[in-house]
Amino acid sequence: MKNIITIFATGILLTLGVQAIFAEEPVFAPEEHCLAYKTEKTMFFFVELKVIGKSCDVTAKMRWNASGEKAQVEVSVPVNTLDSGIAMRDADIHEILKTELTPNIRFVSEWLEKSAWGKMLEGQLPEVSGNLEVAGGIFPVKFSLSFAKQAEFSLVEGQLKTTFTALKIVVPAVAGGFIAEPQDELELLLHLHLDKISGAEKITAQ
């Protein structure tokens, strides 16, 4: 009994320590061109812990129509490159996100006029709709957008707030929920450098 209590207490202390680290660190460094997911789980029934997985193996491009007046954005990242800092969890993600069916998380936006994309550079395009491909399914979503011009680069950030349920993703509990119980909320975050988005240079081209 004493050993069980010791393990339980140690687990809580370690969990709180990891949680404190995540609370202090931003998801992205300014120079990164990446995608990340963020969710939470309940450890030992009452400790809330943030879970963040990130990959900078991102492919982002703008696809233009023949007239050059409309474009759609495509962003994709291989599921097997997502890194949460815990190898066992990352291995489980492959099964949870059904990589045999959808090896890449992929967002493809709707087609928008060149002028609409130009508004993004002015911070006047608050969101963009499109389809998210993940876990063997395709789902209509809306990413909120923000744009910031830095000294050496321009940054486009996107945020999608959704749930595992909405994406038909089943995340299993650990030890029946005694060790860890996943929460349903899920965020996908984009942190992209404009000059690394192929085709984005045409937005401002005359």
Foldseek 3Di string as FASTA:
>chain_A
DVVVVVVLVVLVVVQVVQQVVVVPDDLDDQVAFWKKKWFWKAFQNHDIHIFMWMARQKAKAWDADPVRFKIKIKIKDFLLRIPRPDVVVSVVSCVQFVCVQPRMWMWIFDIDTLVQVVVQQVQNNQKTWTWIDISNDIDIFIWGWHWDQDPVFIKIKTKTKDFCVRVVTDDDADPNCSGIGTDGIMMMMGIRTQVSHHPSVSSPPD
